[in-house]
Amino acid sequence: MITIYHNSRCKISRLVLEKLKSSGKEYTIIEYLKTIPSIEDIKKLLLKLNAKPIDIIRKNETIFKKQFKDKSFTDEEWLIIIHENPILIERPILENKYKAIICRPPEKFVELIK
């Protein structure tokens, strides 16, 4: 089973979802702006991504530029910031039982559905 962390307003996220549908694989969709991941869920996702919280931040988002750019935060503080501002999560993210990837560019989705 594959999980996609999806934002329907994002062109790349929609494209990856279409590719996932065409793959024939079973999947679930988490619209993370509606169903906000808990801090614990974000930690688990980061482990599968082999990443730190700052690695999944969308640095071009207005909220990042206005509130967080050029400021220093611990990983724990970033987790809270991400949870409170899920728009900052890079998208789309695909996850399976063992691994997760950020699908940028969208062709990276192949790495997870092999």
PDB file of N, CA and C in Angstrom:
ATOM      1  N   MET A   1       0.844  -1.186   0.000  1.00  0.00           N
ATOM      2  CA  MET A   1       0.000   0.000   0.000  1.00  0.00           C
ATOM      3  C   MET A   1       0.885   1.243   0.000  1.00  0.00           C
ATOM      4  N   ILE A   2       0.539   2.172  -0.852  1.00  0.00           N
ATOM      5  CA  ILE A   2       1.266   3.434  -0.958  1.00  0.00           C
ATOM      6  C   ILE A   2       0.358   4.551  -0.442  1.00  0.00           C
ATOM      7  N   THR A   3       0.948   5.458   0.290  1.00  0.00           N
ATOM      8  CA  THR A   3       0.234   6.644   0.755  1.00  0.00           C
ATOM      9  C   THR A   3       0.813   7.852   0.046  1.00  0.00           C
ATOM     10  N   ILE A   4      -0.064   8.715  -0.440  1.00  0.00           N
ATOM     11  CA  ILE A   4       0.385   9.968  -1.039  1.00  0.00           C
ATOM     12  C   ILE A   4      -0.093  11.118  -0.153  1.00  0.00           C
ATOM     13  N   TYR A   5       0.851  11.949   0.245  1.00  0.00           N
ATOM     14  CA  TYR A   5       0.533  13.197   0.939  1.00  0.00           C
ATOM     15  C   TYR A   5       0.299  14.215  -0.165  1.00  0.00           C
ATOM     16  N   HIS A   6      -0.950  14.613  -0.313  1.00  0.00           N
ATOM     17  CA  HIS A   6      -1.421  15.280  -1.519  1.00  0.00           C
ATOM     18  C   HIS A   6      -2.011  16.653  -1.227  1.00  0.00           C
ATOM     19  N   ASN A   7      -1.735  17.580  -2.138  1.00  0.00           N
ATOM     20  CA  ASN A   7      -2.375  18.894  -2.131  1.00  0.00           C
ATOM     21  C   ASN A   7      -3.007  19.059  -3.506  1.00  0.00           C
ATOM     22  N   SER A   8      -4.324  19.056  -3.551  1.00  0.00           N
ATOM     23  CA  SER A   8      -5.029  19.089  -4.839  1.00  0.00           C
ATOM     24  C   SER A   8      -4.815  20.390  -5.608  1.00  0.00           C
ATOM     25  N   ARG A   9      -4.293  21.413  -4.953  1.00  0.00           N
ATOM     26  CA  ARG A   9      -4.017  22.676  -5.646  1.00  0.00           C
ATOM     27  C   ARG A   9      -2.654  22.683  -6.331  1.00  0.00           C
ATOM     28  N   CYS A  10      -1.869  21.658  -6.072  1.00  0.00           N
ATOM     29  CA  CYS A  10      -0.506  21.588  -6.612  1.00  0.00           C
ATOM     30  C   CYS A  10      -0.495  20.768  -7.905  1.00  0.00           C
ATOM     31  N   LYS A  11      -0.007  21.365  -8.962  1.00  0.00           N
ATOM     32  CA  LYS A  11       0.048  20.703 -10.270  1.00  0.00           C
ATOM     33  C   LYS A  11       0.872  19.419 -10.208  1.00  0.00           C
ATOM     34  N   ILE A  12       2.024  19.462  -9.563  1.00  0.00           N
ATOM     35  CA  ILE A  12       2.886  18.276  -9.491  1.00  0.00           C
ATOM     36  C   ILE A  12       2.224  17.190  -8.655  1.00  0.00           C
ATOM     37  N   SER A  13       1.584  17.567  -7.576  1.00  0.00           N
ATOM     38  CA  SER A  13       0.884  16.591  -6.748  1.00  0.00           C
ATOM     39  C   SER A  13      -0.237  15.911  -7.538  1.00  0.00           C
ATOM     40  N   ARG A  14      -0.980  16.678  -8.301  1.00  0.00           N
ATOM     41  CA  ARG A  14      -2.046  16.095  -9.144  1.00  0.00           C
ATOM     42  C   ARG A  14      -1.457  15.153 -10.190  1.00  0.00           C
ATOM     43  N   LEU A  15      -0.338  15.537 -10.789  1.00  0.00           N
ATOM     44  CA  LEU A  15       0.317  14.706 -11.797  1.00  0.00           C
ATOM     45  C   LEU A  15       0.777  13.377 -11.197  1.00  0.00           C
ATOM     46  N   VAL A  16       1.407  13.437 -10.025  1.00  0.00           N
ATOM     47  CA  VAL A  16       1.874  12.210  -9.373  1.00  0.00           C
ATOM     48  C   VAL A  16       0.688  11.330  -8.985  1.00  0.00           C
ATOM     49  N   LEU A  17      -0.398  11.924  -8.525  1.00  0.00           N
ATOM     50  CA  LEU A  17      -1.587  11.142  -8.194  1.00  0.00           C
ATOM     51  C   LEU A  17      -2.122  10.432  -9.435  1.00  0.00           C
ATOM     52  N   GLU A  18      -2.151  11.101 -10.573  1.00  0.00           N
ATOM     53  CA  GLU A  18      -2.598  10.461 -11.817  1.00  0.00           C
ATOM     54  C   GLU A  18      -1.678   9.299 -12.194  1.00  0.00           C
ATOM     55  N   LYS A  19      -0.368   9.491 -12.057  1.00  0.00           N
ATOM     56  CA  LYS A  19       0.582   8.410 -12.356  1.00  0.00           C
ATOM     57  C   LYS A  19       0.375   7.239 -11.398  1.00  0.00           C
ATOM     58  N   LEU A  20       0.107   7.550 -10.141  1.00  0.00           N
ATOM     59  CA  LEU A  20      -0.142   6.510  -9.146  1.00  0.00           C
ATOM     60  C   LEU A  20      -1.404   5.731  -9.496  1.00  0.00           C
ATOM     61  N   LYS A  21      -2.462   6.427  -9.889  1.00  0.00           N
ATOM     62  CA  LYS A  21      -3.703   5.764 -10.302  1.00  0.00           C
ATOM     63  C   LYS A  21      -3.450   4.839 -11.490  1.00  0.00           C
ATOM     64  N   SER A  22      -2.656   5.298 -12.448  1.00  0.00           N
ATOM     65  CA  SER A  22      -2.354   4.511 -13.652  1.00  0.00           C
ATOM     66  C   SER A  22      -1.464   3.313 -13.363  1.00  0.00           C
ATOM     67  N   SER A  23      -0.750   3.336 -12.242  1.00  0.00           N
ATOM     68  CA  SER A  23       0.204   2.265 -11.925  1.00  0.00           C
ATOM     69  C   SER A  23      -0.481   0.964 -11.529  1.00  0.00           C
ATOM     70  N   GLY A  24      -1.737   1.042 -11.122  1.00  0.00           N
ATOM     71  CA  GLY A  24      -2.439  -0.153 -10.679  1.00  0.00           C
ATOM     72  C   GLY A  24      -2.137  -0.540  -9.239  1.00  0.00           C
ATOM     73  N   LYS A  25      -1.282   0.203  -8.566  1.00  0.00           N
ATOM     74  CA  LYS A  25      -0.941  -0.078  -7.168  1.00  0.00           C
ATOM     75  C   LYS A  25      -2.058   0.415  -6.253  1.00  0.00           C
ATOM     76  N   GLU A  26      -2.194  -0.253  -5.101  1.00  0.00           N
ATOM     77  CA  GLU A  26      -3.146   0.215  -4.102  1.00  0.00           C
ATOM     78  C   GLU A  26      -2.570   1.441  -3.421  1.00  0.00           C
ATOM     79  N   TYR A  27      -3.430   2.411  -3.123  1.00  0.00           N
ATOM     80  CA  TYR A  27      -2.936   3.633  -2.495  1.00  0.00           C
ATOM     81  C   TYR A  27      -4.023   4.274  -1.645  1.00  0.00           C
ATOM     82  N   THR A  28      -3.577   5.125  -0.746  1.00  0.00           N
ATOM     83  CA  THR A  28      -4.479   5.978   0.015  1.00  0.00           C
ATOM     84  C   THR A  28      -3.991   7.411  -0.153  1.00  0.00           C
ATOM     85  N   ILE A  29      -4.926   8.326  -0.031  1.00  0.00           N
ATOM     86  CA  ILE A  29      -4.606   9.744  -0.177  1.00  0.00           C
ATOM     87  C   ILE A  29      -4.775  10.427   1.176  1.00  0.00           C
ATOM     88  N   ILE A  30      -3.755  11.158   1.576  1.00  0.00           N
ATOM     89  CA  ILE A  30      -3.871  12.029   2.743  1.00  0.00           C
ATOM     90  C   ILE A  30      -3.780  13.458   2.238  1.00  0.00           C
ATOM     91  N   GLU A  31      -4.898  14.155   2.324  1.00  0.00           N
ATOM     92  CA  GLU A  31      -4.892  15.576   1.976  1.00  0.00           C
ATOM     93  C   GLU A  31      -4.439  16.305   3.236  1.00  0.00           C
ATOM     94  N   TYR A  32      -3.129  16.501   3.327  1.00  0.00           N
ATOM     95  CA  TYR A  32      -2.511  16.926   4.585  1.00  0.00           C
ATOM     96  C   TYR A  32      -2.891  18.335   5.028  1.00  0.00           C
ATOM     97  N   LEU A  33      -3.517  19.118   4.169  1.00  0.00           N
ATOM     98  CA  LEU A  33      -4.010  20.427   4.607  1.00  0.00           C
ATOM     99  C   LEU A  33      -5.366  20.288   5.316  1.00  0.00           C
ATOM    100  N   LYS A  34      -6.059  19.180   5.053  1.00  0.00           N
ATOM    101  CA  LYS A  34      -7.346  18.906   5.703  1.00  0.00           C
ATOM    102  C   LYS A  34      -7.179  17.960   6.886  1.00  0.00           C
ATOM    103  N   THR A  35      -6.339  16.951   6.704  1.00  0.00           N
ATOM    104  CA  THR A  35      -6.031  15.988   7.756  1.00  0.00           C
ATOM    105  C   THR A  35      -4.580  16.228   8.151  1.00  0.00           C
ATOM    106  N   ILE A  36      -4.373  17.120   9.084  1.00  0.00           N
ATOM    107  CA  ILE A  36      -3.022  17.571   9.430  1.00  0.00           C
ATOM    108  C   ILE A  36      -2.274  16.464  10.161  1.00  0.00           C
ATOM    109  N   PRO A  37      -1.092  16.095   9.664  1.00  0.00           N
ATOM    110  CA  PRO A  37      -0.309  15.051  10.329  1.00  0.00           C
ATOM    111  C   PRO A  37       0.101  15.487  11.739  1.00  0.00           C
ATOM    112  N   SER A  38       0.052  14.532  12.663  1.00  0.00           N
ATOM    113  CA  SER A  38       0.522  14.805  14.022  1.00  0.00           C
ATOM    114  C   SER A  38       2.041  14.957  14.005  1.00  0.00           C
ATOM    115  N   ILE A  39       2.575  15.480  15.072  1.00  0.00           N
ATOM    116  CA  ILE A  39       4.032  15.594  15.177  1.00  0.00           C
ATOM    117  C   ILE A  39       4.656  14.208  15.098  1.00  0.00           C
ATOM    118  N   GLU A  40       4.023  13.222  15.732  1.00  0.00           N
ATOM    119  CA  GLU A  40       4.535  11.848  15.686  1.00  0.00           C
ATOM    120  C   GLU A  40       4.510  11.304  14.257  1.00  0.00           C
ATOM    121  N   ASP A  41       3.453  11.577  13.508  1.00  0.00           N
ATOM    122  CA  ASP A  41       3.377  11.142  12.106  1.00  0.00           C
ATOM    123  C   ASP A  41       4.471  11.800  11.264  1.00  0.00           C
ATOM    124  N   ILE A  42       4.726  13.068  11.523  1.00  0.00           N
ATOM    125  CA  ILE A  42       5.786  13.777  10.787  1.00  0.00           C
ATOM    126  C   ILE A  42       7.139  13.152  11.104  1.00  0.00           C
ATOM    127  N   LYS A  43       7.369  12.809  12.373  1.00  0.00           N
ATOM    128  CA  LYS A  43       8.635  12.162  12.760  1.00  0.00           C
ATOM    129  C   LYS A  43       8.817  10.834  12.026  1.00  0.00           C
ATOM    130  N   LYS A  44       7.753  10.033  11.970  1.00  0.00           N
ATOM    131  CA  LYS A  44       7.825   8.736  11.277  1.00  0.00           C
ATOM    132  C   LYS A  44       8.106   8.933   9.790  1.00  0.00           C
ATOM    133  N   LEU A  45       7.464   9.919   9.207  1.00  0.00           N
ATOM    134  CA  LEU A  45       7.684  10.216   7.794  1.00  0.00           C
ATOM    135  C   LEU A  45       9.131  10.649   7.557  1.00  0.00           C
ATOM    136  N   LEU A  46       9.659  11.478   8.434  1.00  0.00           N
ATOM    137  CA  LEU A  46      11.051  11.932   8.308  1.00  0.00           C
ATOM    138  C   LEU A  46      12.028  10.767   8.404  1.00  0.00           C
ATOM    139  N   LEU A  47      11.748   9.801   9.267  1.00  0.00           N
ATOM    140  CA  LEU A  47      12.609   8.616   9.359  1.00  0.00           C
ATOM    141  C   LEU A  47      12.636   7.869   8.031  1.00  0.00           C
ATOM    142  N   LYS A  48      11.466   7.695   7.427  1.00  0.00           N
ATOM    143  CA  LYS A  48      11.394   7.000   6.139  1.00  0.00           C
ATOM    144  C   LYS A  48      12.035   7.808   5.017  1.00  0.00           C
ATOM    145  N   LEU A  49      12.002   9.121   5.138  1.00  0.00           N
ATOM    146  CA  LEU A  49      12.644   9.995   4.149  1.00  0.00           C
ATOM    147  C   LEU A  49      14.145  10.110   4.387  1.00  0.00           C
ATOM    148  N   ASN A  50      14.581   9.685   5.580  1.00  0.00           N
ATOM    149  CA  ASN A  50      15.969   9.888   6.006  1.00  0.00           C
ATOM    150  C   ASN A  50      16.305  11.381   5.917  1.00  0.00           C
ATOM    151  N   ALA A  51      15.435  12.188   6.538  1.00  0.00           N
ATOM    152  CA  ALA A  51      15.547  13.640   6.407  1.00  0.00           C
ATOM    153  C   ALA A  51      15.323  14.324   7.753  1.00  0.00           C
ATOM    154  N   LYS A  52      15.722  15.566   7.800  1.00  0.00           N
ATOM    155  CA  LYS A  52      15.456  16.433   8.948  1.00  0.00           C
ATOM    156  C   LYS A  52      14.238  17.297   8.608  1.00  0.00           C
ATOM    157  N   PRO A  53      13.591  17.859   9.617  1.00  0.00           N
ATOM    158  CA  PRO A  53      12.406  18.682   9.338  1.00  0.00           C
ATOM    159  C   PRO A  53      12.653  19.786   8.309  1.00  0.00           C
ATOM    160  N   ILE A  54      13.777  20.448   8.375  1.00  0.00           N
ATOM    161  CA  ILE A  54      14.067  21.541   7.435  1.00  0.00           C
ATOM    162  C   ILE A  54      14.097  21.047   5.987  1.00  0.00           C
ATOM    163  N   ASP A  55      14.392  19.755   5.792  1.00  0.00           N
ATOM    164  CA  ASP A  55      14.491  19.192   4.441  1.00  0.00           C
ATOM    165  C   ASP A  55      13.142  19.084   3.729  1.00  0.00           C
ATOM    166  N   ILE A  56      12.050  19.111   4.482  1.00  0.00           N
ATOM    167  CA  ILE A  56      10.736  18.975   3.842  1.00  0.00           C
ATOM    168  C   ILE A  56       9.965  20.297   3.833  1.00  0.00           C
ATOM    169  N   ILE A  57      10.658  21.379   4.130  1.00  0.00           N
ATOM    170  CA  ILE A  57      10.035  22.704   4.167  1.00  0.00           C
ATOM    171  C   ILE A  57      10.025  23.323   2.769  1.00  0.00           C
ATOM    172  N   ARG A  58       8.877  23.876   2.397  1.00  0.00           N
ATOM    173  CA  ARG A  58       8.756  24.633   1.146  1.00  0.00           C
ATOM    174  C   ARG A  58       9.222  26.059   1.415  1.00  0.00           C
ATOM    175  N   LYS A  59      10.418  26.338   0.986  1.00  0.00           N
ATOM    176  CA  LYS A  59      11.042  27.620   1.312  1.00  0.00           C
ATOM    177  C   LYS A  59      10.544  28.779   0.451  1.00  0.00           C
ATOM    178  N   ASN A  60       9.755  28.494  -0.567  1.00  0.00           N
ATOM    179  CA  ASN A  60       9.183  29.565  -1.388  1.00  0.00           C
ATOM    180  C   ASN A  60       7.791  29.985  -0.929  1.00  0.00           C
ATOM    181  N   GLU A  61       7.260  29.299   0.068  1.00  0.00           N
ATOM    182  CA  GLU A  61       5.943  29.678   0.593  1.00  0.00           C
ATOM    183  C   GLU A  61       6.024  31.042   1.271  1.00  0.00           C
ATOM    184  N   THR A  62       5.003  31.835   1.081  1.00  0.00           N
ATOM    185  CA  THR A  62       4.954  33.181   1.665  1.00  0.00           C
ATOM    186  C   THR A  62       5.132  33.146   3.176  1.00  0.00           C
ATOM    187  N   ILE A  63       4.467  32.205   3.830  1.00  0.00           N
ATOM    188  CA  ILE A  63       4.562  32.135   5.288  1.00  0.00           C
ATOM    189  C   ILE A  63       5.999  31.848   5.738  1.00  0.00           C
ATOM    190  N   PHE A  64       6.709  31.024   4.969  1.00  0.00           N
ATOM    191  CA  PHE A  64       8.109  30.758   5.312  1.00  0.00           C
ATOM    192  C   PHE A  64       8.921  32.042   5.194  1.00  0.00           C
ATOM    193  N   LYS A  65       8.756  32.722   4.077  1.00  0.00           N
ATOM    194  CA  LYS A  65       9.529  33.944   3.831  1.00  0.00           C
ATOM    195  C   LYS A  65       9.246  35.019   4.878  1.00  0.00           C
ATOM    196  N   LYS A  66       7.992  35.134   5.302  1.00  0.00           N
ATOM    197  CA  LYS A  66       7.614  36.197   6.241  1.00  0.00           C
ATOM    198  C   LYS A  66       7.943  35.867   7.693  1.00  0.00           C
ATOM    199  N   GLN A  67       7.829  34.585   8.066  1.00  0.00           N
ATOM    200  CA  GLN A  67       7.939  34.250   9.484  1.00  0.00           C
ATOM    201  C   GLN A  67       9.170  33.444   9.878  1.00  0.00           C
ATOM    202  N   PHE A  68       9.744  32.690   8.943  1.00  0.00           N
ATOM    203  CA  PHE A  68      10.758  31.729   9.354  1.00  0.00           C
ATOM    204  C   PHE A  68      12.111  31.856   8.662  1.00  0.00           C
ATOM    205  N   LYS A  69      12.151  32.528   7.522  1.00  0.00           N
ATOM    206  CA  LYS A  69      13.395  32.670   6.777  1.00  0.00           C
ATOM    207  C   LYS A  69      14.437  33.393   7.632  1.00  0.00           C
ATOM    208  N   ASP A  70      15.670  32.939   7.526  1.00  0.00           N
ATOM    209  CA  ASP A  70      16.804  33.540   8.235  1.00  0.00           C
ATOM    210  C   ASP A  70      16.696  33.434   9.754  1.00  0.00           C
ATOM    211  N   LYS A  71      15.855  32.518  10.232  1.00  0.00           N
ATOM    212  CA  LYS A  71      15.771  32.264  11.670  1.00  0.00           C
ATOM    213  C   LYS A  71      16.249  30.847  11.930  1.00  0.00           C
ATOM    214  N   SER A  72      16.754  30.630  13.104  1.00  0.00           N
ATOM    215  CA  SER A  72      17.299  29.328  13.469  1.00  0.00           C
ATOM    216  C   SER A  72      16.349  28.623  14.438  1.00  0.00           C
ATOM    217  N   PHE A  73      16.028  27.375  14.118  1.00  0.00           N
ATOM    218  CA  PHE A  73      15.152  26.579  14.965  1.00  0.00           C
ATOM    219  C   PHE A  73      15.753  25.191  15.146  1.00  0.00           C
ATOM    220  N   THR A  74      15.454  24.561  16.274  1.00  0.00           N
ATOM    221  CA  THR A  74      15.861  23.176  16.488  1.00  0.00           C
ATOM    222  C   THR A  74      14.936  22.277  15.671  1.00  0.00           C
ATOM    223  N   ASP A  75      15.323  21.017  15.524  1.00  0.00           N
ATOM    224  CA  ASP A  75      14.453  20.067  14.821  1.00  0.00           C
ATOM    225  C   ASP A  75      13.089  19.968  15.507  1.00  0.00           C
ATOM    226  N   GLU A  76      13.088  19.950  16.837  1.00  0.00           N
ATOM    227  CA  GLU A  76      11.822  19.863  17.573  1.00  0.00           C
ATOM    228  C   GLU A  76      10.944  21.086  17.309  1.00  0.00           C
ATOM    229  N   GLU A  77      11.554  22.253  17.253  1.00  0.00           N
ATOM    230  CA  GLU A  77      10.793  23.469  16.951  1.00  0.00           C
ATOM    231  C   GLU A  77      10.239  23.423  15.530  1.00  0.00           C
ATOM    232  N   TRP A  78      11.042  22.929  14.578  1.00  0.00           N
ATOM    233  CA  TRP A  78      10.565  22.804  13.196  1.00  0.00           C
ATOM    234  C   TRP A  78       9.377  21.848  13.121  1.00  0.00           C
ATOM    235  N   LEU A  79       9.424  20.769  13.900  1.00  0.00           N
ATOM    236  CA  LEU A  79       8.300  19.821  13.899  1.00  0.00           C
ATOM    237  C   LEU A  79       7.001  20.516  14.303  1.00  0.00           C
ATOM    238  N   ILE A  80       7.076  21.344  15.316  1.00  0.00           N
ATOM    239  CA  ILE A  80       5.893  22.090  15.763  1.00  0.00           C
ATOM    240  C   ILE A  80       5.449  23.072  14.680  1.00  0.00           C
ATOM    241  N   ILE A  81       6.406  23.758  14.085  1.00  0.00           N
ATOM    242  CA  ILE A  81       6.098  24.721  13.017  1.00  0.00           C
ATOM    243  C   ILE A  81       5.423  24.020  11.840  1.00  0.00           C
ATOM    244  N   ILE A  82       5.958  22.872  11.446  1.00  0.00           N
ATOM    245  CA  ILE A  82       5.369  22.108  10.334  1.00  0.00           C
ATOM    246  C   ILE A  82       3.948  21.676  10.686  1.00  0.00           C
ATOM    247  N   HIS A  83       3.776  21.153  11.894  1.00  0.00           N
ATOM    248  CA  HIS A  83       2.446  20.704  12.322  1.00  0.00           C
ATOM    249  C   HIS A  83       1.442  21.861  12.327  1.00  0.00           C
ATOM    250  N   GLU A  84       1.876  23.013  12.793  1.00  0.00           N
ATOM    251  CA  GLU A  84       0.981  24.174  12.873  1.00  0.00           C
ATOM    252  C   GLU A  84       0.788  24.878  11.528  1.00  0.00           C
ATOM    253  N   ASN A  85       1.681  24.613  10.581  1.00  0.00           N
ATOM    254  CA  ASN A  85       1.642  25.252   9.256  1.00  0.00           C
ATOM    255  C   ASN A  85       1.876  24.200   8.171  1.00  0.00           C
ATOM    256  N   PRO A  86       0.953  23.259   7.990  1.00  0.00           N
ATOM    257  CA  PRO A  86       1.200  22.154   7.053  1.00  0.00           C
ATOM    258  C   PRO A  86       1.418  22.592   5.608  1.00  0.00           C
ATOM    259  N   ILE A  87       1.033  23.816   5.267  1.00  0.00           N
ATOM    260  CA  ILE A  87       1.294  24.325   3.915  1.00  0.00           C
ATOM    261  C   ILE A  87       2.791  24.323   3.623  1.00  0.00           C
ATOM    262  N   LEU A  88       3.606  24.288   4.670  1.00  0.00           N
ATOM    263  CA  LEU A  88       5.061  24.291   4.493  1.00  0.00           C
ATOM    264  C   LEU A  88       5.615  22.938   4.055  1.00  0.00           C
ATOM    265  N   ILE A  89       4.817  21.883   4.122  1.00  0.00           N
ATOM    266  CA  ILE A  89       5.309  20.548   3.764  1.00  0.00           C
ATOM    267  C   ILE A  89       5.497  20.450   2.254  1.00  0.00           C
ATOM    268  N   GLU A  90       6.694  20.043   1.857  1.00  0.00           N
ATOM    269  CA  GLU A  90       6.982  19.820   0.433  1.00  0.00           C
ATOM    270  C   GLU A  90       6.059  18.720  -0.072  1.00  0.00           C
ATOM    271  N   ARG A  91       5.658  18.829  -1.315  1.00  0.00           N
ATOM    272  CA  ARG A  91       4.705  17.875  -1.864  1.00  0.00           C
ATOM    273  C   ARG A  91       5.016  17.552  -3.303  1.00  0.00           C
ATOM    274  N   PRO A  92       4.492  16.449  -3.748  1.00  0.00           N
ATOM    275  CA  PRO A  92       3.856  15.389  -2.984  1.00  0.00           C
ATOM    276  C   PRO A  92       4.898  14.468  -2.358  1.00  0.00           C
ATOM    277  N   ILE A  93       4.482  13.784  -1.318  1.00  0.00           N
ATOM    278  CA  ILE A  93       5.327  12.767  -0.693  1.00  0.00           C
ATOM    279  C   ILE A  93       4.612  11.435  -0.860  1.00  0.00           C
ATOM    280  N   LEU A  94       5.355  10.443  -1.330  1.00  0.00           N
ATOM    281  CA  LEU A  94       4.840   9.072  -1.405  1.00  0.00           C
ATOM    282  C   LEU A  94       5.506   8.261  -0.311  1.00  0.00           C
ATOM    283  N   GLU A  95       4.725   7.370   0.297  1.00  0.00           N
ATOM    284  CA  GLU A  95       5.237   6.559   1.405  1.00  0.00           C
ATOM    285  C   GLU A  95       4.734   5.133   1.257  1.00  0.00           C
ATOM    286  N   ASN A  96       5.622   4.175   1.525  1.00  0.00           N
ATOM    287  CA  ASN A  96       5.180   2.794   1.655  1.00  0.00           C
ATOM    288  C   ASN A  96       5.605   2.302   3.039  1.00  0.00           C
ATOM    289  N   LYS A  97       5.578   1.014   3.242  1.00  0.00           N
ATOM    290  CA  LYS A  97       5.887   0.454   4.561  1.00  0.00           C
ATOM    291  C   LYS A  97       7.315   0.760   5.008  1.00  0.00           C
ATOM    292  N   TYR A  98       8.240   0.885   4.062  1.00  0.00           N
ATOM    293  CA  TYR A  98       9.658   0.977   4.401  1.00  0.00           C
ATOM    294  C   TYR A  98      10.315   2.314   4.084  1.00  0.00           C
ATOM    295  N   LYS A  99       9.748   3.070   3.165  1.00  0.00           N
ATOM    296  CA  LYS A  99      10.454   4.224   2.622  1.00  0.00           C
ATOM    297  C   LYS A  99       9.458   5.318   2.244  1.00  0.00           C
ATOM    298  N   ALA A 100       9.970   6.543   2.137  1.00  0.00           N
ATOM    299  CA  ALA A 100       9.168   7.653   1.615  1.00  0.00           C
ATOM    300  C   ALA A 100      10.062   8.491   0.709  1.00  0.00           C
ATOM    301  N   ILE A 101       9.453   9.161  -0.259  1.00  0.00           N
ATOM    302  CA  ILE A 101      10.204  10.048  -1.154  1.00  0.00           C
ATOM    303  C   ILE A 101       9.374  11.295  -1.445  1.00  0.00           C
ATOM    304  N   ILE A 102      10.091  12.391  -1.636  1.00  0.00           N
ATOM    305  CA  ILE A 102       9.461  13.612  -2.128  1.00  0.00           C
ATOM    306  C   ILE A 102       9.530  13.532  -3.646  1.00  0.00           C
ATOM    307  N   CYS A 103       8.404  13.603  -4.301  1.00  0.00           N
ATOM    308  CA  CYS A 103       8.345  13.410  -5.757  1.00  0.00           C
ATOM    309  C   CYS A 103       8.607  14.706  -6.509  1.00  0.00           C
ATOM    310  N   ARG A 104       9.786  15.191  -6.386  1.00  0.00           N
ATOM    311  CA  ARG A 104      10.259  16.362  -7.139  1.00  0.00           C
ATOM    312  C   ARG A 104      11.607  15.980  -7.716  1.00  0.00           C
ATOM    313  N   PRO A 105      11.690  15.826  -8.998  1.00  0.00           N
ATOM    314  CA  PRO A 105      10.645  15.956 -10.010  1.00  0.00           C
ATOM    315  C   PRO A 105       9.633  14.807  -9.901  1.00  0.00           C
ATOM    316  N   PRO A 106       8.476  14.947 -10.545  1.00  0.00           N
ATOM    317  CA  PRO A 106       7.415  13.955 -10.395  1.00  0.00           C
ATOM    318  C   PRO A 106       7.808  12.546 -10.843  1.00  0.00           C
ATOM    319  N   GLU A 107       8.791  12.436 -11.713  1.00  0.00           N
ATOM    320  CA  GLU A 107       9.229  11.117 -12.195  1.00  0.00           C
ATOM    321  C   GLU A 107       9.821  10.265 -11.071  1.00  0.00           C
ATOM    322  N   LYS A 108      10.171  10.878  -9.958  1.00  0.00           N
ATOM    323  CA  LYS A 108      10.742  10.132  -8.838  1.00  0.00           C
ATOM    324  C   LYS A 108       9.763   9.121  -8.256  1.00  0.00           C
ATOM    325  N   PHE A 109       8.471   9.250  -8.578  1.00  0.00           N
ATOM    326  CA  PHE A 109       7.489   8.329  -8.014  1.00  0.00           C
ATOM    327  C   PHE A 109       7.806   6.885  -8.389  1.00  0.00           C
ATOM    328  N   VAL A 110       8.496   6.691  -9.503  1.00  0.00           N
ATOM    329  CA  VAL A 110       8.856   5.347  -9.965  1.00  0.00           C
ATOM    330  C   VAL A 110       9.709   4.627  -8.919  1.00  0.00           C
ATOM    331  N   GLU A 111      10.531   5.368  -8.181  1.00  0.00           N
ATOM    332  CA  GLU A 111      11.401   4.773  -7.163  1.00  0.00           C
ATOM    333  C   GLU A 111      10.606   4.017  -6.108  1.00  0.00           C
ATOM    334  N   LEU A 112       9.386   4.415  -5.859  1.00  0.00           N
ATOM    335  CA  LEU A 112       8.611   3.803  -4.783  1.00  0.00           C
ATOM    336  C   LEU A 112       7.633   2.745  -5.273  1.00  0.00           C
ATOM    337  N   ILE A 113       7.276   2.749  -6.531  1.00  0.00           N
ATOM    338  CA  ILE A 113       6.248   1.802  -6.996  1.00  0.00           C
ATOM    339  C   ILE A 113       6.825   0.595  -7.724  1.00  0.00           C
ATOM    340  N   LYS A 114       8.138   0.483  -7.752  1.00  0.00           N
ATOM    341  CA  LYS A 114       8.772  -0.657  -8.434  1.00  0.00           C
ATOM    342  C   LYS A 114       8.274  -1.967  -7.880  1.00  0.00           C
TER     343      LYS A 114
END
